[in-house]
Amino acid sequence: AEARIVNDKISVLYGLLRRIDGGVPQPDDTIEQAR
């Protein structure tokens, strides 16, 4: 259960970073949100 939370958070963060990096961010995808 604890590892799943960590895995999910890593996946969400990595997805956000990839979208910003790829130039296709969603409305809430910001560097501040990533931080």
All heavy atoms as atom14 arrays in JSON, in Angstrom:
{
  "sequence": "AEARIVNDKISVLYGLLRRIDGGVPQPDDTIEQAR",
  "atom14_mask": [
    [1, 1, 1, 1, 1, 0, 0, 0, 0, 0, 0, 0, 0, 0],
    [1, 1, 1, 1, 1, 1, 1, 1, 1, 0, 0, 0, 0, 0],
    [1, 1, 1, 1, 1, 0, 0, 0, 0, 0, 0, 0, 0, 0],
    [1, 1, 1, 1, 1, 1, 1, 1, 1, 1, 1, 0, 0, 0],
    [1, 1, 1, 1, 1, 1, 1, 1, 0, 0, 0, 0, 0, 0],
    [1, 1, 1, 1, 1, 1, 1, 0, 0, 0, 0, 0, 0, 0],
    [1, 1, 1, 1, 1, 1, 1, 1, 0, 0, 0, 0, 0, 0],
    [1, 1, 1, 1, 1, 1, 1, 1, 0, 0, 0, 0, 0, 0],
    [1, 1, 1, 1, 1, 1, 1, 1, 1, 0, 0, 0, 0, 0],
    [1, 1, 1, 1, 1, 1, 1, 1, 0, 0, 0, 0, 0, 0],
    [1, 1, 1, 1, 1, 1, 0, 0, 0, 0, 0, 0, 0, 0],
    [1, 1, 1, 1, 1, 1, 1, 0, 0, 0, 0, 0, 0, 0],
    [1, 1, 1, 1, 1, 1, 1, 1, 0, 0, 0, 0, 0, 0],
    [1, 1, 1, 1, 1, 1, 1, 1, 1, 1, 1, 1, 0, 0],
    [1, 1, 1, 1, 0, 0, 0, 0, 0, 0, 0, 0, 0, 0],
    [1, 1, 1, 1, 1, 1, 1, 1, 0, 0, 0, 0, 0, 0],
    [1, 1, 1, 1, 1, 1, 1, 1, 0, 0, 0, 0, 0, 0],
    [1, 1, 1, 1, 1, 1, 1, 1, 1, 1, 1, 0, 0, 0],
    [1, 1, 1, 1, 1, 1, 1, 1, 1, 1, 1, 0, 0, 0],
    [1, 1, 1, 1, 1, 1, 1, 1, 0, 0, 0, 0, 0, 0],
    [1, 1, 1, 1, 1, 1, 1, 1, 0, 0, 0, 0, 0, 0],
    [1, 1, 1, 1, 0, 0, 0, 0, 0, 0, 0, 0, 0, 0],
    [1, 1, 1, 1, 0, 0, 0, 0, 0, 0, 0, 0, 0, 0],
    [1, 1, 1, 1, 1, 1, 1, 0, 0, 0, 0, 0, 0, 0],
    [1, 1, 1, 1, 1, 1, 1, 0, 0, 0, 0, 0, 0, 0],
    [1, 1, 1, 1, 1, 1, 1, 1, 1, 0, 0, 0, 0, 0],
    [1, 1, 1, 1, 1, 1, 1, 0, 0, 0, 0, 0, 0, 0],
    [1, 1, 1, 1, 1, 1, 1, 1, 0, 0, 0, 0, 0, 0],
    [1, 1, 1, 1, 1, 1, 1, 1, 0, 0, 0, 0, 0, 0],
    [1, 1, 1, 1, 1, 1, 1, 0, 0, 0, 0, 0, 0, 0],
    [1, 1, 1, 1, 1, 1, 1, 1, 0, 0, 0, 0, 0, 0],
    [1, 1, 1, 1, 1, 1, 1, 1, 1, 0, 0, 0, 0, 0],
    [1, 1, 1, 1, 1, 1, 1, 1, 1, 0, 0, 0, 0, 0],
    [1, 1, 1, 1, 1, 0, 0, 0, 0, 0, 0, 0, 0, 0],
    [1, 1, 1, 1, 1, 1, 1, 1, 1, 1, 1, 0, 0, 0]
  ],
  "atom14_positions": [
    [[0.84, -1.21, 0.0], [0.0, 0.0, 0.0], [0.88, 1.26, 0.0], [0.61, 2.21, -0.74], [-0.93, 0.0, 1.21], [0.0, 0.0, 0.0], [0.0, 0.0, 0.0], [0.0, 0.0, 0.0], [0.0, 0.0, 0.0], [0.0, 0.0, 0.0], [0.0, 0.0, 0.0], [0.0, 0.0, 0.0], [0.0, 0.0, 0.0], [0.0, 0.0, 0.0]],
    [[1.93, 1.25, 0.81], [2.84, 2.41, 0.86], [3.63, 2.53, -0.45], [3.81, 3.63, -0.98], [3.8, 2.28, 2.04], [3.13, 2.32, 3.39], [2.48, 3.64, 3.72], [2.91, 4.69, 3.19], [1.54, 3.65, 4.53], [0.0, 0.0, 0.0], [0.0, 0.0, 0.0], [0.0, 0.0, 0.0], [0.0, 0.0, 0.0], [0.0, 0.0, 0.0]],
    [[4.11, 1.41, -0.97], [4.88, 1.43, -2.22], [4.01, 1.88, -3.39], [4.5, 2.57, -4.29], [5.47, 0.04, -2.49], [0.0, 0.0, 0.0], [0.0, 0.0, 0.0], [0.0, 0.0, 0.0], [0.0, 0.0, 0.0], [0.0, 0.0, 0.0], [0.0, 0.0, 0.0], [0.0, 0.0, 0.0], [0.0, 0.0, 0.0], [0.0, 0.0, 0.0]],
    [[2.74, 1.52, -3.36], [1.82, 1.93, -4.43], [1.66, 3.46, -4.45], [1.66, 4.08, -5.52], [0.46, 1.27, -4.25], [-0.53, 1.58, -5.37], [-1.87, 0.89, -5.19], [-1.72, -0.55, -5.16], [-2.0, -1.33, -4.09], [-2.47, -0.79, -2.98], [-1.84, -2.62, -4.15], [0.0, 0.0, 0.0], [0.0, 0.0, 0.0], [0.0, 0.0, 0.0]],
    [[1.56, 4.07, -3.28], [1.44, 5.53, -3.21], [2.68, 6.18, -3.81], [2.57, 7.1, -4.62], [1.22, 5.99, -1.75], [-0.15, 5.53, -1.24], [1.37, 7.5, -1.63], [-0.35, 5.68, 0.26], [0.0, 0.0, 0.0], [0.0, 0.0, 0.0], [0.0, 0.0, 0.0], [0.0, 0.0, 0.0], [0.0, 0.0, 0.0], [0.0, 0.0, 0.0]],
    [[3.85, 5.69, -3.42], [5.11, 6.24, -3.95], [5.16, 6.05, -5.47], [5.48, 6.98, -6.21], [6.33, 5.59, -3.26], [7.62, 5.93, -3.99], [6.4, 6.02, -1.8], [0.0, 0.0, 0.0], [0.0, 0.0, 0.0], [0.0, 0.0, 0.0], [0.0, 0.0, 0.0], [0.0, 0.0, 0.0], [0.0, 0.0, 0.0], [0.0, 0.0, 0.0]],
    [[4.83, 4.86, -5.94], [4.84, 4.58, -7.37], [3.89, 5.51, -8.13], [4.25, 6.06, -9.17], [4.47, 3.12, -7.62], [4.57, 2.76, -9.08], [5.64, 2.77, -9.66], [3.43, 2.43, -9.67], [0.0, 0.0, 0.0], [0.0, 0.0, 0.0], [0.0, 0.0, 0.0], [0.0, 0.0, 0.0], [0.0, 0.0, 0.0], [0.0, 0.0, 0.0]],
    [[2.7, 5.68, -7.6], [1.72, 6.56, -8.25], [2.22, 8.01, -8.31], [2.09, 8.68, -9.34], [0.37, 6.5, -7.53], [-0.34, 5.17, -7.7], [0.09, 4.35, -8.55], [-1.32, 4.93, -6.97], [0.0, 0.0, 0.0], [0.0, 0.0, 0.0], [0.0, 0.0, 0.0], [0.0, 0.0, 0.0], [0.0, 0.0, 0.0], [0.0, 0.0, 0.0]],
    [[2.79, 8.47, -7.21], [3.28, 9.85, -7.17], [4.45, 10.06, -8.13], [4.53, 11.1, -8.79], [3.64, 10.25, -5.74], [2.39, 10.39, -4.87], [2.7, 11.04, -3.57], [1.41, 11.32, -2.81], [0.54, 12.31, -3.45], [0.0, 0.0, 0.0], [0.0, 0.0, 0.0], [0.0, 0.0, 0.0], [0.0, 0.0, 0.0], [0.0, 0.0, 0.0]],
    [[5.32, 9.08, -8.23], [6.43, 9.17, -9.18], [5.89, 9.21, -10.6], [6.32, 10.02, -11.43], [7.42, 8.0, -8.98], [8.25, 8.23, -7.71], [8.31, 7.81, -10.2], [9.11, 7.05, -7.29], [0.0, 0.0, 0.0], [0.0, 0.0, 0.0], [0.0, 0.0, 0.0], [0.0, 0.0, 0.0], [0.0, 0.0, 0.0], [0.0, 0.0, 0.0]],
    [[4.93, 8.36, -10.9], [4.35, 8.31, -12.26], [3.66, 9.61, -12.63], [3.83, 10.11, -13.75], [3.36, 7.15, -12.36], [4.03, 5.92, -12.23], [0.0, 0.0, 0.0], [0.0, 0.0, 0.0], [0.0, 0.0, 0.0], [0.0, 0.0, 0.0], [0.0, 0.0, 0.0], [0.0, 0.0, 0.0], [0.0, 0.0, 0.0], [0.0, 0.0, 0.0]],
    [[2.9, 10.17, -11.7], [2.19, 11.43, -11.96], [3.21, 12.56, -12.19], [3.08, 13.35, -13.13], [1.22, 11.76, -10.8], [0.72, 13.2, -10.9], [0.06, 10.78, -10.8], [0.0, 0.0, 0.0], [0.0, 0.0, 0.0], [0.0, 0.0, 0.0], [0.0, 0.0, 0.0], [0.0, 0.0, 0.0], [0.0, 0.0, 0.0], [0.0, 0.0, 0.0]],
    [[4.22, 12.63, -11.34], [5.23, 13.68, -11.48], [6.0, 13.52, -12.79], [6.21, 14.5, -13.51], [6.2, 13.64, -10.3], [7.4, 14.59, -10.35], [6.95, 16.04, -10.53], [8.26, 14.42, -9.11], [0.0, 0.0, 0.0], [0.0, 0.0, 0.0], [0.0, 0.0, 0.0], [0.0, 0.0, 0.0], [0.0, 0.0, 0.0], [0.0, 0.0, 0.0]],
    [[6.4, 12.32, -13.12], [7.14, 12.1, -14.36], [6.28, 12.46, -15.57], [6.76, 13.1, -16.51], [7.62, 10.66, -14.44], [8.51, 10.38, -15.63], [9.68, 11.09, -15.83], [8.17, 9.4, -16.55], [10.52, 10.83, -16.92], [8.99, 9.13, -17.64], [10.16, 9.86, -17.81], [10.97, 9.6, -18.9], [0.0, 0.0, 0.0], [0.0, 0.0, 0.0]],
    [[5.0, 12.12, -15.53], [4.09, 12.48, -16.62], [3.97, 13.98, -16.78], [4.01, 14.51, -17.9], [0.0, 0.0, 0.0], [0.0, 0.0, 0.0], [0.0, 0.0, 0.0], [0.0, 0.0, 0.0], [0.0, 0.0, 0.0], [0.0, 0.0, 0.0], [0.0, 0.0, 0.0], [0.0, 0.0, 0.0], [0.0, 0.0, 0.0], [0.0, 0.0, 0.0]],
    [[3.86, 14.69, -15.67], [3.79, 16.15, -15.7], [5.06, 16.73, -16.32], [4.99, 17.6, -17.2], [3.61, 16.66, -14.26], [3.47, 18.16, -14.04], [2.62, 18.43, -12.81], [4.81, 18.84, -13.87], [0.0, 0.0, 0.0], [0.0, 0.0, 0.0], [0.0, 0.0, 0.0], [0.0, 0.0, 0.0], [0.0, 0.0, 0.0], [0.0, 0.0, 0.0]],
    [[6.2, 16.23, -15.9], [7.47, 16.74, -16.44], [7.61, 16.45, -17.93], [8.07, 17.3, -18.7], [8.65, 16.14, -15.67], [8.76, 16.58, -14.21], [9.83, 15.78, -13.49], [9.02, 18.07, -14.1], [0.0, 0.0, 0.0], [0.0, 0.0, 0.0], [0.0, 0.0, 0.0], [0.0, 0.0, 0.0], [0.0, 0.0, 0.0], [0.0, 0.0, 0.0]],
    [[7.2, 15.27, -18.34], [7.28, 14.91, -19.77], [6.36, 15.8, -20.61], [6.73, 16.19, -21.72], [6.93, 13.44, -19.96], [7.91, 12.45, -19.35], [9.14, 12.31, -20.15], [8.7, 11.82, -21.46], [9.48, 11.61, -22.48], [10.76, 11.85, -22.37], [9.02, 11.16, -23.61], [0.0, 0.0, 0.0], [0.0, 0.0, 0.0], [0.0, 0.0, 0.0]],
    [[5.17, 16.12, -20.08], [4.25, 16.99, -20.82], [4.83, 18.4, -20.94], [4.78, 19.01, -22.01], [2.88, 17.01, -20.16], [2.1, 15.71, -20.33], [0.66, 15.83, -19.87], [0.52, 16.21, -18.47], [0.53, 15.36, -17.44], [0.67, 14.06, -17.66], [0.38, 15.79, -16.21], [0.0, 0.0, 0.0], [0.0, 0.0, 0.0], [0.0, 0.0, 0.0]],
    [[5.38, 18.93, -19.86], [6.0, 20.26, -19.92], [7.16, 20.23, -20.91], [7.29, 21.12, -21.76], [6.48, 20.72, -18.52], [5.28, 20.99, -17.6], [7.36, 21.98, -18.63], [5.66, 21.27, -16.14], [0.0, 0.0, 0.0], [0.0, 0.0, 0.0], [0.0, 0.0, 0.0], [0.0, 0.0, 0.0], [0.0, 0.0, 0.0], [0.0, 0.0, 0.0]],
    [[8.02, 19.23, -20.77], [9.19, 19.11, -21.64], [8.78, 18.96, -23.11], [9.42, 19.53, -24.0], [10.02, 17.91, -21.2], [11.33, 17.77, -21.95], [11.78, 18.73, -22.58], [11.92, 16.66, -21.88], [0.0, 0.0, 0.0], [0.0, 0.0, 0.0], [0.0, 0.0, 0.0], [0.0, 0.0, 0.0], [0.0, 0.0, 0.0], [0.0, 0.0, 0.0]],
    [[7.7, 18.24, -23.36], [7.25, 18.02, -24.73], [6.45, 19.17, -25.32], [6.05, 19.13, -26.48], [0.0, 0.0, 0.0], [0.0, 0.0, 0.0], [0.0, 0.0, 0.0], [0.0, 0.0, 0.0], [0.0, 0.0, 0.0], [0.0, 0.0, 0.0], [0.0, 0.0, 0.0], [0.0, 0.0, 0.0], [0.0, 0.0, 0.0], [0.0, 0.0, 0.0]],
    [[6.18, 20.2, -24.51], [5.46, 21.36, -25.0], [3.95, 21.17, -25.08], [3.28, 21.94, -25.75], [0.0, 0.0, 0.0], [0.0, 0.0, 0.0], [0.0, 0.0, 0.0], [0.0, 0.0, 0.0], [0.0, 0.0, 0.0], [0.0, 0.0, 0.0], [0.0, 0.0, 0.0], [0.0, 0.0, 0.0], [0.0, 0.0, 0.0], [0.0, 0.0, 0.0]],
    [[3.43, 20.16, -24.39], [1.98, 19.92, -24.39], [1.44, 19.81, -22.95], [0.77, 18.83, -22.6], [1.63, 18.65, -25.2], [1.84, 18.87, -26.68], [2.41, 17.45, -24.71], [0.0, 0.0, 0.0], [0.0, 0.0, 0.0], [0.0, 0.0, 0.0], [0.0, 0.0, 0.0], [0.0, 0.0, 0.0], [0.0, 0.0, 0.0], [0.0, 0.0, 0.0]],
    [[1.71, 20.81, -22.13], [1.25, 20.72, -20.74], [-0.27, 20.87, -20.64], [-0.89, 21.53, -21.46], [1.95, 21.89, -20.05], [2.19, 22.87, -21.15], [2.42, 22.06, -22.39], [0.0, 0.0, 0.0], [0.0, 0.0, 0.0], [0.0, 0.0, 0.0], [0.0, 0.0, 0.0], [0.0, 0.0, 0.0], [0.0, 0.0, 0.0], [0.0, 0.0, 0.0]],
    [[-0.81, 20.23, -19.62], [-2.21, 20.43, -19.28], [-2.3, 21.73, -18.48], [-1.27, 22.26, -18.04], [-2.74, 19.25, -18.48], [-2.75, 17.97, -19.29], [-3.23, 16.77, -18.48], [-3.49, 16.85, -17.29], [-3.35, 15.63, -19.15], [0.0, 0.0, 0.0], [0.0, 0.0, 0.0], [0.0, 0.0, 0.0], [0.0, 0.0, 0.0], [0.0, 0.0, 0.0]],
    [[-3.52, 22.26, -18.27], [-3.64, 23.57, -17.6], [-2.91, 23.66, -16.24], [-2.35, 24.71, -15.92], [-5.15, 23.74, -17.42], [-5.73, 22.96, -18.55], [-4.82, 21.77, -18.74], [0.0, 0.0, 0.0], [0.0, 0.0, 0.0], [0.0, 0.0, 0.0], [0.0, 0.0, 0.0], [0.0, 0.0, 0.0], [0.0, 0.0, 0.0], [0.0, 0.0, 0.0]],
    [[-2.89, 22.59, -15.46], [-2.24, 22.65, -14.14], [-0.78, 22.22, -14.16], [-0.15, 22.14, -13.11], [-3.0, 21.77, -13.14], [-4.36, 22.34, -12.78], [-4.56, 23.55, -12.98], [-5.22, 21.59, -12.3], [0.0, 0.0, 0.0], [0.0, 0.0, 0.0], [0.0, 0.0, 0.0], [0.0, 0.0, 0.0], [0.0, 0.0, 0.0], [0.0, 0.0, 0.0]],
    [[-0.24, 21.93, -15.31], [1.15, 21.47, -15.42], [2.1, 22.67, -15.41], [2.32, 23.32, -16.43], [1.37, 20.67, -16.71], [0.68, 19.32, -16.69], [0.24, 18.88, -15.61], [0.59, 18.69, -17.76], [0.0, 0.0, 0.0], [0.0, 0.0, 0.0], [0.0, 0.0, 0.0], [0.0, 0.0, 0.0], [0.0, 0.0, 0.0], [0.0, 0.0, 0.0]],
    [[2.65, 22.94, -14.24], [3.61, 24.03, -14.1], [4.83, 23.53, -13.34], [4.77, 22.49, -12.66], [3.0, 25.21, -13.32], [2.72, 24.76, -11.98], [1.73, 25.73, -13.97], [0.0, 0.0, 0.0], [0.0, 0.0, 0.0], [0.0, 0.0, 0.0], [0.0, 0.0, 0.0], [0.0, 0.0, 0.0], [0.0, 0.0, 0.0], [0.0, 0.0, 0.0]],
    [[5.9, 24.28, -13.42], [7.1, 23.93, -12.66], [6.8, 24.0, -11.17], [7.27, 23.15, -10.4], [8.28, 24.87, -13.04], [8.69, 24.65, -14.5], [9.46, 24.65, -12.1], [9.19, 23.25, -14.82], [0.0, 0.0, 0.0], [0.0, 0.0, 0.0], [0.0, 0.0, 0.0], [0.0, 0.0, 0.0], [0.0, 0.0, 0.0], [0.0, 0.0, 0.0]],
    [[6.01, 24.96, -10.75], [5.65, 25.06, -9.33], [4.87, 23.83, -8.87], [5.08, 23.34, -7.76], [4.88, 26.35, -9.05], [5.76, 27.58, -9.01], [6.96, 27.41, -8.09], [6.8, 26.99, -6.91], [8.09, 27.68, -8.55], [0.0, 0.0, 0.0], [0.0, 0.0, 0.0], [0.0, 0.0, 0.0], [0.0, 0.0, 0.0], [0.0, 0.0, 0.0]],
    [[3.96, 23.35, -9.72], [3.21, 22.14, -9.39], [4.18, 20.95, -9.29], [4.06, 20.12, -8.39], [2.13, 21.85, -10.44], [1.34, 20.59, -10.21], [0.55, 20.59, -8.91], [0.36, 21.6, -8.24], [0.09, 19.41, -8.53], [0.0, 0.0, 0.0], [0.0, 0.0, 0.0], [0.0, 0.0, 0.0], [0.0, 0.0, 0.0], [0.0, 0.0, 0.0]],
    [[5.14, 20.88, -10.18], [6.14, 19.8, -10.14], [6.95, 19.88, -8.85], [7.22, 18.86, -8.21], [7.06, 19.89, -11.35], [0.0, 0.0, 0.0], [0.0, 0.0, 0.0], [0.0, 0.0, 0.0], [0.0, 0.0, 0.0], [0.0, 0.0, 0.0], [0.0, 0.0, 0.0], [0.0, 0.0, 0.0], [0.0, 0.0, 0.0], [0.0, 0.0, 0.0]],
    [[7.33, 21.09, -8.46], [8.08, 21.27, -7.2], [7.25, 20.82, -5.99], [7.79, 20.2, -5.07], [8.52, 22.72, -7.04], [9.67, 23.08, -7.94], [10.15, 24.5, -7.68], [11.37, 24.76, -8.43], [11.61, 25.88, -9.08], [10.72, 26.87, -9.06], [12.73, 26.03, -9.73], [0.0, 0.0, 0.0], [0.0, 0.0, 0.0], [0.0, 0.0, 0.0]]
  ]
}
